[in-house]
């Protein structure tokens, strides 16, 4: 994985909050958010993964089969170079010192 910049605390928190917002159950998948997070963190999403994920752009989580939201989260996190995170954990990342926020903040 190619890393061009070290994320600042702000960038790490902003990326985390943006991902959390996108993966809320009442929301939808947004490939633009994933691309922006990657760009802010100086990451390159593998092309095949970006294309696969982009097929779901603007599709509501409610319109996907059960388990699909977790699968998309897993693939998104892997594409960004993050460790796997359960949806339940992701929903807690707004807390400033959460485990997930610390993990994401350390990845550069």
N, C-alpha and C. Protein backbone atom coordinates (compact mmCIF):
# COMPACT_ATOMS: atom_id res chain seq x y z
N UNK A 1 0.84 -1.17 0.00
CA UNK A 1 0.00 0.00 0.00
C UNK A 1 0.89 1.24 0.00
N UNK A 2 0.54 2.21 -0.79
CA UNK A 2 1.33 3.42 -0.94
C UNK A 2 0.79 4.49 0.01
N UNK A 3 1.66 4.98 0.88
CA UNK A 3 1.28 6.04 1.82
C UNK A 3 2.14 7.26 1.52
N UNK A 4 1.49 8.36 1.23
CA UNK A 4 2.27 9.55 0.88
C UNK A 4 2.31 10.58 1.99
N UNK A 5 1.37 10.53 2.93
CA UNK A 5 1.37 11.51 4.00
C UNK A 5 0.97 10.85 5.31
N UNK A 6 1.41 11.43 6.39
CA UNK A 6 0.97 11.00 7.71
C UNK A 6 -0.30 11.80 8.05
N UNK A 7 -1.37 11.12 8.46
CA UNK A 7 -2.58 11.87 8.79
C UNK A 7 -2.39 12.65 10.08
N UNK A 8 -2.93 13.85 10.10
CA UNK A 8 -2.94 14.61 11.34
C UNK A 8 -4.08 14.08 12.19
N UNK A 9 -4.11 14.47 13.46
CA UNK A 9 -5.22 14.05 14.32
C UNK A 9 -6.55 14.49 13.70
N UNK A 10 -6.59 15.70 13.16
CA UNK A 10 -7.82 16.20 12.55
C UNK A 10 -8.24 15.33 11.37
N UNK A 11 -7.30 15.03 10.48
CA UNK A 11 -7.61 14.24 9.30
C UNK A 11 -8.10 12.85 9.70
N UNK A 12 -7.42 12.24 10.66
CA UNK A 12 -7.85 10.92 11.14
C UNK A 12 -9.25 10.94 11.72
N UNK A 13 -9.53 11.96 12.53
CA UNK A 13 -10.88 12.09 13.12
C UNK A 13 -11.91 12.38 12.05
N UNK A 14 -11.59 13.26 11.11
CA UNK A 14 -12.53 13.60 10.04
C UNK A 14 -12.83 12.37 9.18
N UNK A 15 -11.81 11.59 8.87
CA UNK A 15 -12.00 10.38 8.07
C UNK A 15 -12.89 9.39 8.82
N UNK A 16 -12.62 9.24 10.09
CA UNK A 16 -13.40 8.32 10.91
C UNK A 16 -14.86 8.74 10.98
N UNK A 17 -15.10 10.01 11.22
CA UNK A 17 -16.47 10.52 11.32
C UNK A 17 -17.18 10.40 9.97
N UNK A 18 -16.47 10.71 8.88
CA UNK A 18 -17.08 10.58 7.55
C UNK A 18 -17.49 9.15 7.25
N UNK A 19 -16.64 8.20 7.58
CA UNK A 19 -16.99 6.79 7.37
C UNK A 19 -18.15 6.37 8.26
N UNK A 20 -18.12 6.80 9.52
CA UNK A 20 -19.21 6.45 10.43
C UNK A 20 -20.54 6.98 9.91
N UNK A 21 -20.53 8.21 9.45
CA UNK A 21 -21.75 8.82 8.92
C UNK A 21 -22.27 8.04 7.72
N UNK A 22 -21.37 7.65 6.84
CA UNK A 22 -21.78 6.93 5.63
C UNK A 22 -22.37 5.56 5.97
N UNK A 23 -21.84 4.90 6.99
CA UNK A 23 -22.29 3.55 7.30
C UNK A 23 -23.47 3.50 8.28
N UNK A 24 -24.07 4.64 8.60
CA UNK A 24 -25.27 4.62 9.45
C UNK A 24 -26.37 3.83 8.74
N UNK A 25 -27.15 3.05 9.49
CA UNK A 25 -28.16 2.18 8.88
C UNK A 25 -29.16 2.89 7.98
N UNK A 26 -29.49 4.13 8.28
CA UNK A 26 -30.47 4.87 7.47
C UNK A 26 -29.84 5.53 6.26
N UNK A 27 -28.52 5.34 6.07
CA UNK A 27 -27.82 5.99 4.98
C UNK A 27 -27.65 5.13 3.75
N UNK A 28 -26.60 5.43 3.01
CA UNK A 28 -26.31 4.75 1.75
C UNK A 28 -24.80 4.76 1.53
N UNK A 29 -24.34 3.91 0.63
CA UNK A 29 -22.92 3.86 0.32
C UNK A 29 -22.57 5.00 -0.63
N UNK A 30 -21.44 5.65 -0.35
CA UNK A 30 -21.00 6.78 -1.17
C UNK A 30 -19.52 6.60 -1.52
N UNK A 31 -19.23 6.20 -2.73
CA UNK A 31 -17.85 5.99 -3.15
C UNK A 31 -17.06 7.29 -3.09
N UNK A 32 -17.73 8.42 -3.20
CA UNK A 32 -17.04 9.71 -3.11
C UNK A 32 -16.41 9.91 -1.74
N UNK A 33 -17.12 9.49 -0.69
CA UNK A 33 -16.58 9.57 0.66
C UNK A 33 -15.33 8.71 0.78
N UNK A 34 -15.39 7.52 0.25
CA UNK A 34 -14.24 6.61 0.30
C UNK A 34 -13.05 7.22 -0.44
N UNK A 35 -13.29 7.77 -1.61
CA UNK A 35 -12.21 8.41 -2.38
C UNK A 35 -11.62 9.60 -1.63
N UNK A 36 -12.47 10.40 -1.00
CA UNK A 36 -11.99 11.57 -0.26
C UNK A 36 -11.16 11.16 0.95
N UNK A 37 -11.61 10.13 1.65
CA UNK A 37 -10.83 9.62 2.79
C UNK A 37 -9.47 9.14 2.32
N UNK A 38 -9.45 8.38 1.24
CA UNK A 38 -8.19 7.88 0.69
C UNK A 38 -7.27 9.04 0.32
N UNK A 39 -7.81 10.03 -0.34
CA UNK A 39 -7.01 11.17 -0.76
C UNK A 39 -6.47 11.94 0.45
N UNK A 40 -7.31 12.16 1.44
CA UNK A 40 -6.89 12.91 2.64
C UNK A 40 -5.78 12.18 3.38
N UNK A 41 -5.81 10.85 3.34
CA UNK A 41 -4.81 10.05 4.04
C UNK A 41 -3.62 9.67 3.16
N UNK A 42 -3.64 10.13 1.90
CA UNK A 42 -2.54 9.83 1.00
C UNK A 42 -2.49 8.37 0.58
N UNK A 43 -3.65 7.77 0.43
CA UNK A 43 -3.74 6.35 0.08
C UNK A 43 -4.20 6.18 -1.36
N UNK A 44 -3.88 5.03 -1.89
CA UNK A 44 -4.34 4.66 -3.22
C UNK A 44 -5.21 3.42 -3.06
N UNK A 45 -6.47 3.52 -3.43
CA UNK A 45 -7.38 2.38 -3.37
C UNK A 45 -7.07 1.48 -4.56
N UNK A 46 -6.91 0.18 -4.32
CA UNK A 46 -6.70 -0.71 -5.47
C UNK A 46 -7.82 -0.54 -6.49
N UNK A 47 -7.45 -0.40 -7.73
CA UNK A 47 -8.41 -0.07 -8.79
C UNK A 47 -9.58 -1.05 -8.87
N UNK A 48 -9.30 -2.34 -8.79
CA UNK A 48 -10.38 -3.33 -8.87
C UNK A 48 -11.35 -3.18 -7.71
N UNK A 49 -10.82 -2.81 -6.54
CA UNK A 49 -11.70 -2.64 -5.37
C UNK A 49 -12.54 -1.37 -5.51
N UNK A 50 -11.94 -0.33 -6.01
CA UNK A 50 -12.69 0.91 -6.23
C UNK A 50 -13.83 0.69 -7.23
N UNK A 51 -13.55 -0.03 -8.30
CA UNK A 51 -14.59 -0.31 -9.29
C UNK A 51 -15.70 -1.17 -8.68
N UNK A 52 -15.32 -2.19 -7.92
CA UNK A 52 -16.32 -3.07 -7.29
C UNK A 52 -17.21 -2.28 -6.33
N UNK A 53 -16.59 -1.48 -5.49
CA UNK A 53 -17.36 -0.69 -4.52
C UNK A 53 -18.22 0.37 -5.22
N UNK A 54 -17.71 0.94 -6.30
CA UNK A 54 -18.47 1.99 -6.98
C UNK A 54 -19.78 1.48 -7.58
N UNK A 55 -19.91 0.18 -7.76
CA UNK A 55 -21.17 -0.39 -8.24
C UNK A 55 -22.31 -0.13 -7.26
N UNK A 56 -21.96 0.09 -6.01
CA UNK A 56 -22.97 0.30 -4.96
C UNK A 56 -23.19 1.78 -4.65
N UNK A 57 -22.57 2.66 -5.42
CA UNK A 57 -22.68 4.10 -5.15
C UNK A 57 -24.14 4.55 -5.09
N UNK A 58 -24.48 5.23 -4.00
CA UNK A 58 -25.81 5.78 -3.75
C UNK A 58 -26.90 4.72 -3.54
N UNK A 59 -26.52 3.48 -3.28
CA UNK A 59 -27.50 2.45 -2.96
C UNK A 59 -27.73 2.49 -1.45
N UNK A 60 -28.99 2.57 -1.07
CA UNK A 60 -29.37 2.60 0.34
C UNK A 60 -29.05 1.27 1.00
N UNK A 61 -28.59 1.33 2.25
CA UNK A 61 -28.34 0.09 3.00
C UNK A 61 -29.62 -0.72 3.12
N UNK A 62 -30.75 -0.05 3.21
CA UNK A 62 -32.04 -0.74 3.35
C UNK A 62 -32.37 -1.56 2.11
N UNK A 63 -31.78 -1.22 0.98
CA UNK A 63 -32.05 -1.94 -0.27
C UNK A 63 -31.06 -3.08 -0.52
N UNK A 64 -30.18 -3.33 0.44
CA UNK A 64 -29.20 -4.40 0.30
C UNK A 64 -29.59 -5.58 1.18
N UNK A 65 -29.15 -6.77 0.82
CA UNK A 65 -29.47 -7.94 1.64
C UNK A 65 -28.80 -7.86 3.01
N UNK A 66 -29.35 -8.59 3.99
CA UNK A 66 -28.74 -8.61 5.33
C UNK A 66 -27.26 -8.99 5.26
N UNK A 67 -26.46 -8.33 6.04
CA UNK A 67 -25.03 -8.62 6.07
C UNK A 67 -24.20 -7.86 5.06
N UNK A 68 -24.85 -7.28 4.08
CA UNK A 68 -24.12 -6.58 3.01
C UNK A 68 -23.41 -5.33 3.54
N UNK A 69 -24.04 -4.62 4.46
CA UNK A 69 -23.42 -3.40 5.00
C UNK A 69 -22.09 -3.74 5.68
N UNK A 70 -22.06 -4.82 6.46
CA UNK A 70 -20.81 -5.24 7.10
C UNK A 70 -19.78 -5.66 6.05
N UNK A 71 -20.23 -6.38 5.02
CA UNK A 71 -19.30 -6.80 3.96
C UNK A 71 -18.71 -5.59 3.23
N UNK A 72 -19.54 -4.60 2.95
CA UNK A 72 -19.05 -3.39 2.28
C UNK A 72 -18.09 -2.64 3.20
N UNK A 73 -18.41 -2.58 4.49
CA UNK A 73 -17.50 -1.95 5.45
C UNK A 73 -16.15 -2.68 5.47
N UNK A 74 -16.19 -4.01 5.51
CA UNK A 74 -14.95 -4.79 5.52
C UNK A 74 -14.10 -4.48 4.29
N UNK A 75 -14.73 -4.45 3.14
CA UNK A 75 -14.00 -4.20 1.88
C UNK A 75 -13.49 -2.76 1.83
N UNK A 76 -14.28 -1.82 2.34
CA UNK A 76 -13.87 -0.42 2.37
C UNK A 76 -12.66 -0.24 3.27
N UNK A 77 -12.73 -0.81 4.47
CA UNK A 77 -11.62 -0.68 5.41
C UNK A 77 -10.35 -1.31 4.84
N UNK A 78 -10.48 -2.48 4.24
CA UNK A 78 -9.32 -3.14 3.64
C UNK A 78 -8.74 -2.31 2.50
N UNK A 79 -9.61 -1.74 1.68
CA UNK A 79 -9.16 -0.92 0.55
C UNK A 79 -8.40 0.31 1.03
N UNK A 80 -8.78 0.82 2.20
CA UNK A 80 -8.13 2.00 2.77
C UNK A 80 -6.93 1.64 3.64
N UNK A 81 -6.71 0.34 3.84
CA UNK A 81 -5.59 -0.09 4.67
C UNK A 81 -5.88 -0.09 6.15
N UNK A 82 -7.14 -0.07 6.52
CA UNK A 82 -7.55 -0.10 7.93
C UNK A 82 -7.79 -1.53 8.37
N UNK A 83 -7.65 -1.79 9.66
CA UNK A 83 -8.04 -3.11 10.16
C UNK A 83 -9.55 -3.27 10.12
N UNK A 84 -10.00 -4.50 10.12
CA UNK A 84 -11.45 -4.77 10.11
C UNK A 84 -12.10 -4.20 11.36
N UNK A 85 -13.32 -3.72 11.19
CA UNK A 85 -14.09 -3.13 12.28
C UNK A 85 -15.53 -3.62 12.17
N UNK A 86 -16.11 -4.03 13.29
CA UNK A 86 -17.53 -4.38 13.30
C UNK A 86 -18.36 -3.11 13.23
N UNK A 87 -19.52 -3.20 12.60
CA UNK A 87 -20.40 -2.04 12.50
C UNK A 87 -20.73 -1.47 13.88
N UNK A 88 -20.95 -2.33 14.85
CA UNK A 88 -21.27 -1.86 16.20
C UNK A 88 -20.15 -1.00 16.77
N UNK A 89 -18.92 -1.38 16.49
CA UNK A 89 -17.76 -0.61 16.95
C UNK A 89 -17.68 0.71 16.19
N UNK A 90 -17.91 0.66 14.89
CA UNK A 90 -17.85 1.87 14.08
C UNK A 90 -18.81 2.93 14.59
N UNK A 91 -19.96 2.52 15.06
CA UNK A 91 -20.96 3.46 15.56
C UNK A 91 -20.50 4.17 16.83
N UNK A 92 -19.47 3.66 17.48
CA UNK A 92 -18.96 4.27 18.71
C UNK A 92 -17.79 5.22 18.47
N UNK A 93 -17.35 5.36 17.23
CA UNK A 93 -16.11 6.11 17.00
C UNK A 93 -16.23 7.61 17.16
N UNK A 94 -17.41 8.12 17.36
CA UNK A 94 -17.54 9.56 17.59
C UNK A 94 -16.92 9.95 18.92
N UNK A 95 -16.77 8.97 19.81
CA UNK A 95 -16.12 9.24 21.08
C UNK A 95 -14.64 9.49 20.80
N UNK A 96 -14.10 10.61 21.27
CA UNK A 96 -12.75 11.03 20.89
C UNK A 96 -11.64 10.03 21.17
N UNK A 97 -11.73 9.27 22.21
CA UNK A 97 -10.65 8.35 22.56
C UNK A 97 -11.04 6.90 22.32
N UNK A 98 -11.94 6.65 21.43
CA UNK A 98 -12.36 5.27 21.16
C UNK A 98 -11.20 4.48 20.56
N UNK A 99 -11.27 3.17 20.67
CA UNK A 99 -10.24 2.28 20.13
C UNK A 99 -10.11 2.46 18.63
N UNK A 100 -11.23 2.54 17.94
CA UNK A 100 -11.19 2.67 16.49
C UNK A 100 -10.55 3.99 16.09
N UNK A 101 -10.91 5.08 16.75
CA UNK A 101 -10.32 6.38 16.42
C UNK A 101 -8.81 6.35 16.64
N UNK A 102 -8.36 5.68 17.69
CA UNK A 102 -6.91 5.58 17.94
C UNK A 102 -6.24 4.75 16.85
N UNK A 103 -6.87 3.66 16.43
CA UNK A 103 -6.27 2.80 15.39
C UNK A 103 -6.17 3.58 14.09
N UNK A 104 -7.26 4.22 13.68
CA UNK A 104 -7.25 4.96 12.43
C UNK A 104 -6.28 6.11 12.49
N UNK A 105 -6.21 6.78 13.63
CA UNK A 105 -5.30 7.90 13.79
C UNK A 105 -3.84 7.49 13.69
N UNK A 106 -3.52 6.23 14.00
CA UNK A 106 -2.13 5.75 13.94
C UNK A 106 -1.72 5.32 12.55
N UNK A 107 -2.66 5.01 11.69
CA UNK A 107 -2.32 4.48 10.38
C UNK A 107 -1.89 5.62 9.47
N UNK A 108 -0.77 5.50 8.86
CA UNK A 108 -0.28 6.57 8.02
C UNK A 108 0.29 6.12 6.74
